[in-house]
Amino acid sequence: MSNNDLKDSSSELPLILVRPTLIIYNSKAELLLVRHNDDLWGLPGGLLEPGESIEDAIRREVMQELEISVENLIEFRTFSDSRFYITSETGQKTHYVAVTYITNQFTGSIRPDEFEVLEYRYFKPKDLPENIVEMIRIILDEFIDSEQYKSI
């Protein structure tokens, strides 16, 4: 596809967003979830900014949302299949690329920013809340079934 073809079809192309995501777990193998201001639970993370590495984006987002510094980030998996292609109520098509890392190491005391994140809580996998962002539910289900989770 040429640049002119791309410009002509740009209004039809989906928005592609890279979403660095972090799964934080504790010594009891519980998973940290954050409740956003839309009352849905999710994982710490956000969107990649131009020129930023995935790891730096995770560190920035977690610091903004929870005021902690995360360490020892281990890549879990990148999710980008059709389950991550969404059409909004306004018709905007967005294809998310969720690059997911895990860690159990951070410094500082968790303090939600109370703007994006209203609260946080650790959950056992069997006790996860129902109101979880759909994409995050997919990520969590795959993590819970993974060898990485079974080995913690």
C-alpha atoms as a PDB file:
ATOM      1  CA  MET A   1       0.000   0.000   0.000  1.00  0.00           C
ATOM      2  CA  SER A   2       1.409   3.383  -0.976  1.00  0.00           C
ATOM      3  CA  ASN A   3       1.395   6.457   1.254  1.00  0.00           C
ATOM      4  CA  ASN A   4      -1.392   7.997  -0.867  1.00  0.00           C
ATOM      5  CA  ASP A   5      -3.474   4.830  -0.541  1.00  0.00           C
ATOM      6  CA  LEU A   6      -2.882   4.926   3.197  1.00  0.00           C
ATOM      7  CA  LYS A   7      -3.978   8.574   3.434  1.00  0.00           C
ATOM      8  CA  ASP A   8      -7.111   7.889   1.379  1.00  0.00           C
ATOM      9  CA  SER A   9      -8.141   4.960   3.570  1.00  0.00           C
ATOM     10  CA  SER A  10      -7.029   6.387   6.928  1.00  0.00           C
ATOM     11  CA  SER A  11     -10.567   7.229   7.998  1.00  0.00           C
ATOM     12  CA  GLU A  12     -11.492   3.557   7.571  1.00  0.00           C
ATOM     13  CA  LEU A  13      -8.442   2.142   9.319  1.00  0.00           C
ATOM     14  CA  PRO A  14      -8.708   1.131  12.964  1.00  0.00           C
ATOM     15  CA  LEU A  15      -6.781   2.975  15.605  1.00  0.00           C
ATOM     16  CA  ILE A  16      -3.957   0.722  16.811  1.00  0.00           C
ATOM     17  CA  LEU A  17      -2.989   1.298  20.449  1.00  0.00           C
ATOM     18  CA  VAL A  18      -0.203  -0.389  22.378  1.00  0.00           C
ATOM     19  CA  ARG A  19      -1.332  -1.034  25.943  1.00  0.00           C
ATOM     20  CA  PRO A  20       1.443  -1.989  28.385  1.00  0.00           C
ATOM     21  CA  THR A  21      -0.172  -3.962  31.209  1.00  0.00           C
ATOM     22  CA  LEU A  22       1.229  -5.278  34.493  1.00  0.00           C
ATOM     23  CA  ILE A  23       0.142  -8.211  36.614  1.00  0.00           C
ATOM     24  CA  ILE A  24       1.376  -7.745  40.191  1.00  0.00           C
ATOM     25  CA  TYR A  25       1.096 -10.758  42.479  1.00  0.00           C
ATOM     26  CA  ASN A  26       1.911 -11.273  46.152  1.00  0.00           C
ATOM     27  CA  SER A  27       3.400 -14.131  48.201  1.00  0.00           C
ATOM     28  CA  LYS A  28      -0.052 -15.750  48.459  1.00  0.00           C
ATOM     29  CA  ALA A  29      -0.323 -15.875  44.629  1.00  0.00           C
ATOM     30  CA  GLU A  30      -3.085 -13.253  44.773  1.00  0.00           C
ATOM     31  CA  LEU A  31      -3.418 -10.797  41.894  1.00  0.00           C
ATOM     32  CA  LEU A  32      -3.586  -7.034  42.325  1.00  0.00           C
ATOM     33  CA  LEU A  33      -6.501  -5.396  40.547  1.00  0.00           C
ATOM     34  CA  VAL A  34      -7.398  -1.723  40.421  1.00  0.00           C
ATOM     35  CA  ARG A  35     -10.926  -0.306  40.290  1.00  0.00           C
ATOM     36  CA  HIS A  36     -11.198   2.546  37.831  1.00  0.00           C
ATOM     37  CA  ASN A  37     -13.545   5.506  37.953  1.00  0.00           C
ATOM     38  CA  ASP A  38     -15.923   3.652  35.579  1.00  0.00           C
ATOM     39  CA  ASP A  39     -16.401   1.049  38.365  1.00  0.00           C
ATOM     40  CA  LEU A  40     -14.639  -1.673  36.362  1.00  0.00           C
ATOM     41  CA  TRP A  41     -11.687  -3.613  37.722  1.00  0.00           C
ATOM     42  CA  GLY A  42      -8.533  -3.888  35.665  1.00  0.00           C
ATOM     43  CA  LEU A  43      -4.775  -4.157  35.801  1.00  0.00           C
ATOM     44  CA  PRO A  44      -2.310  -1.310  36.188  1.00  0.00           C
ATOM     45  CA  GLY A  45      -1.219   0.025  32.824  1.00  0.00           C
ATOM     46  CA  GLY A  46      -2.078   2.494  30.150  1.00  0.00           C
ATOM     47  CA  LEU A  47      -0.999   3.534  26.692  1.00  0.00           C
ATOM     48  CA  LEU A  48       2.458   3.708  25.186  1.00  0.00           C
ATOM     49  CA  GLU A  49       3.662   7.236  24.483  1.00  0.00           C
ATOM     50  CA  PRO A  50       5.802   8.089  21.421  1.00  0.00           C
ATOM     51  CA  GLY A  51       9.462   7.190  21.941  1.00  0.00           C
ATOM     52  CA  GLU A  52       8.763   5.253  25.137  1.00  0.00           C
ATOM     53  CA  SER A  53       9.736   1.633  25.790  1.00  0.00           C
ATOM     54  CA  ILE A  54       7.108  -0.813  27.040  1.00  0.00           C
ATOM     55  CA  GLU A  55       8.943  -1.209  30.355  1.00  0.00           C
ATOM     56  CA  ASP A  56       9.206   2.559  30.843  1.00  0.00           C
ATOM     57  CA  ALA A  57       5.497   2.939  30.064  1.00  0.00           C
ATOM     58  CA  ILE A  58       4.621   0.317  32.678  1.00  0.00           C
ATOM     59  CA  ARG A  59       6.805   2.025  35.279  1.00  0.00           C
ATOM     60  CA  ARG A  60       5.306   5.440  34.461  1.00  0.00           C
ATOM     61  CA  GLU A  61       1.701   4.236  34.528  1.00  0.00           C
ATOM     62  CA  VAL A  62       2.104   2.259  37.763  1.00  0.00           C
ATOM     63  CA  MET A  63       3.783   5.237  39.433  1.00  0.00           C
ATOM     64  CA  GLN A  64       0.949   7.534  38.271  1.00  0.00           C
ATOM     65  CA  GLU A  65      -1.829   5.152  39.294  1.00  0.00           C
ATOM     66  CA  LEU A  66      -0.439   3.584  42.494  1.00  0.00           C
ATOM     67  CA  GLU A  67       2.642   5.616  43.529  1.00  0.00           C
ATOM     68  CA  ILE A  68       4.948   2.579  43.601  1.00  0.00           C
ATOM     69  CA  SER A  69       8.135   1.740  41.699  1.00  0.00           C
ATOM     70  CA  VAL A  70       8.000  -1.707  40.122  1.00  0.00           C
ATOM     71  CA  GLU A  71      11.068  -3.866  39.671  1.00  0.00           C
ATOM     72  CA  ASN A  72      12.032  -7.144  38.009  1.00  0.00           C
ATOM     73  CA  LEU A  73       9.517  -6.923  35.164  1.00  0.00           C
ATOM     74  CA  ILE A  74       9.131 -10.282  33.413  1.00  0.00           C
ATOM     75  CA  GLU A  75       7.401 -10.436  30.046  1.00  0.00           C
ATOM     76  CA  PHE A  76       4.359 -12.702  30.111  1.00  0.00           C
ATOM     77  CA  ARG A  77       2.688 -12.398  26.729  1.00  0.00           C
ATOM     78  CA  THR A  78       1.498 -10.027  24.018  1.00  0.00           C
ATOM     79  CA  PHE A  79      -2.207 -10.178  23.205  1.00  0.00           C
ATOM     80  CA  SER A  80      -3.318  -8.830  19.834  1.00  0.00           C
ATOM     81  CA  ASP A  81      -5.833 -11.269  18.374  1.00  0.00           C
ATOM     82  CA  SER A  82      -9.404 -10.507  17.320  1.00  0.00           C
ATOM     83  CA  ARG A  83     -10.575 -10.425  20.957  1.00  0.00           C
ATOM     84  CA  PHE A  84      -8.616  -7.175  21.254  1.00  0.00           C
ATOM     85  CA  TYR A  85     -10.302  -5.533  18.246  1.00  0.00           C
ATOM     86  CA  ILE A  86     -13.149  -3.391  19.507  1.00  0.00           C
ATOM     87  CA  THR A  87     -15.755  -1.147  17.946  1.00  0.00           C
ATOM     88  CA  SER A  88     -16.982   1.545  20.333  1.00  0.00           C
ATOM     89  CA  GLU A  89     -20.549   2.799  20.609  1.00  0.00           C
ATOM     90  CA  THR A  90     -19.528   5.715  18.366  1.00  0.00           C
ATOM     91  CA  GLY A  91     -18.225   3.334  15.686  1.00  0.00           C
ATOM     92  CA  GLN A  92     -14.518   3.925  16.370  1.00  0.00           C
ATOM     93  CA  LYS A  93     -12.593   0.737  15.610  1.00  0.00           C
ATOM     94  CA  THR A  94      -9.590   0.126  17.868  1.00  0.00           C
ATOM     95  CA  HIS A  95      -7.122  -2.740  17.795  1.00  0.00           C
ATOM     96  CA  TYR A  96      -5.302  -3.030  21.123  1.00  0.00           C
ATOM     97  CA  VAL A  97      -1.908  -4.664  21.451  1.00  0.00           C
ATOM     98  CA  ALA A  98      -1.688  -5.568  25.141  1.00  0.00           C
ATOM     99  CA  VAL A  99       1.923  -6.231  26.087  1.00  0.00           C
ATOM    100  CA  THR A 100       1.717  -7.894  29.489  1.00  0.00           C
ATOM    101  CA  TYR A 101       4.421  -8.188  32.114  1.00  0.00           C
ATOM    102  CA  ILE A 102       4.386  -9.696  35.597  1.00  0.00           C
ATOM    103  CA  THR A 103       6.180  -8.898  38.846  1.00  0.00           C
ATOM    104  CA  ASN A 104       5.948  -9.378  42.572  1.00  0.00           C
ATOM    105  CA  GLN A 105       8.528  -6.730  43.408  1.00  0.00           C
ATOM    106  CA  PHE A 106       7.902  -3.068  44.063  1.00  0.00           C
ATOM    107  CA  THR A 107       9.006  -0.346  46.432  1.00  0.00           C
ATOM    108  CA  GLY A 108       6.763   2.120  48.177  1.00  0.00           C
ATOM    109  CA  SER A 109       3.316   1.920  49.694  1.00  0.00           C
ATOM    110  CA  ILE A 110       0.415   1.532  47.294  1.00  0.00           C
ATOM    111  CA  ARG A 111      -1.703   4.692  47.171  1.00  0.00           C
ATOM    112  CA  PRO A 112      -4.310   4.942  44.405  1.00  0.00           C
ATOM    113  CA  ASP A 113      -4.284   8.281  42.630  1.00  0.00           C
ATOM    114  CA  GLU A 114      -8.083   8.565  43.204  1.00  0.00           C
ATOM    115  CA  PHE A 115      -8.440  10.065  39.725  1.00  0.00           C
ATOM    116  CA  GLU A 116      -8.002   7.058  37.434  1.00  0.00           C
ATOM    117  CA  VAL A 117      -7.811   4.447  40.191  1.00  0.00           C
ATOM    118  CA  LEU A 118     -10.294   4.572  43.068  1.00  0.00           C
ATOM    119  CA  GLU A 119      -9.077   1.500  44.944  1.00  0.00           C
ATOM    120  CA  TYR A 120      -6.910  -1.584  44.680  1.00  0.00           C
ATOM    121  CA  ARG A 121      -7.247  -5.061  46.080  1.00  0.00           C
ATOM    122  CA  TYR A 122      -5.511  -8.418  45.895  1.00  0.00           C
ATOM    123  CA  PHE A 123      -7.742 -11.283  44.732  1.00  0.00           C
ATOM    124  CA  LYS A 124      -7.391 -15.033  44.699  1.00  0.00           C
ATOM    125  CA  PRO A 125      -8.116 -16.266  41.155  1.00  0.00           C
ATOM    126  CA  LYS A 126     -11.344 -17.973  42.263  1.00  0.00           C
ATOM    127  CA  ASP A 127     -12.554 -14.715  43.858  1.00  0.00           C
ATOM    128  CA  LEU A 128     -12.047 -12.304  40.949  1.00  0.00           C
ATOM    129  CA  PRO A 129     -14.869  -9.761  40.673  1.00  0.00           C
ATOM    130  CA  GLU A 130     -17.428 -10.003  37.879  1.00  0.00           C
ATOM    131  CA  ASN A 131     -17.034  -6.403  36.720  1.00  0.00           C
ATOM    132  CA  ILE A 132     -13.622  -6.697  35.042  1.00  0.00           C
ATOM    133  CA  VAL A 133     -12.697  -5.023  31.768  1.00  0.00           C
ATOM    134  CA  GLU A 134     -13.267  -7.715  29.110  1.00  0.00           C
ATOM    135  CA  MET A 135      -9.727  -7.598  27.684  1.00  0.00           C
ATOM    136  CA  ILE A 136      -8.265  -7.794  31.178  1.00  0.00           C
ATOM    137  CA  ARG A 137     -10.409 -10.843  31.970  1.00  0.00           C
ATOM    138  CA  ILE A 138      -8.863 -12.581  28.929  1.00  0.00           C
ATOM    139  CA  ILE A 139      -5.344 -11.701  30.091  1.00  0.00           C
ATOM    140  CA  LEU A 140      -6.024 -12.851  33.661  1.00  0.00           C
ATOM    141  CA  ASP A 141      -7.622 -16.135  32.569  1.00  0.00           C
ATOM    142  CA  GLU A 142      -4.620 -16.958  30.397  1.00  0.00           C
ATOM    143  CA  PHE A 143      -2.180 -15.989  33.139  1.00  0.00           C
ATOM    144  CA  ILE A 144      -3.967 -18.099  35.758  1.00  0.00           C
ATOM    145  CA  ASP A 145      -3.812 -21.102  33.399  1.00  0.00           C
ATOM    146  CA  SER A 146      -0.122 -20.527  32.590  1.00  0.00           C
ATOM    147  CA  GLU A 147       2.933 -22.344  33.874  1.00  0.00           C
ATOM    148  CA  GLN A 148       4.279 -18.983  35.068  1.00  0.00           C
ATOM    149  CA  TYR A 149       1.365 -18.605  37.481  1.00  0.00           C
ATOM    150  CA  LYS A 150       1.467 -22.231  38.594  1.00  0.00           C
ATOM    151  CA  SER A 151       5.148 -21.816  39.495  1.00  0.00           C
ATOM    152  CA  ILE A 152       4.633 -18.877  41.897  1.00  0.00           C
END
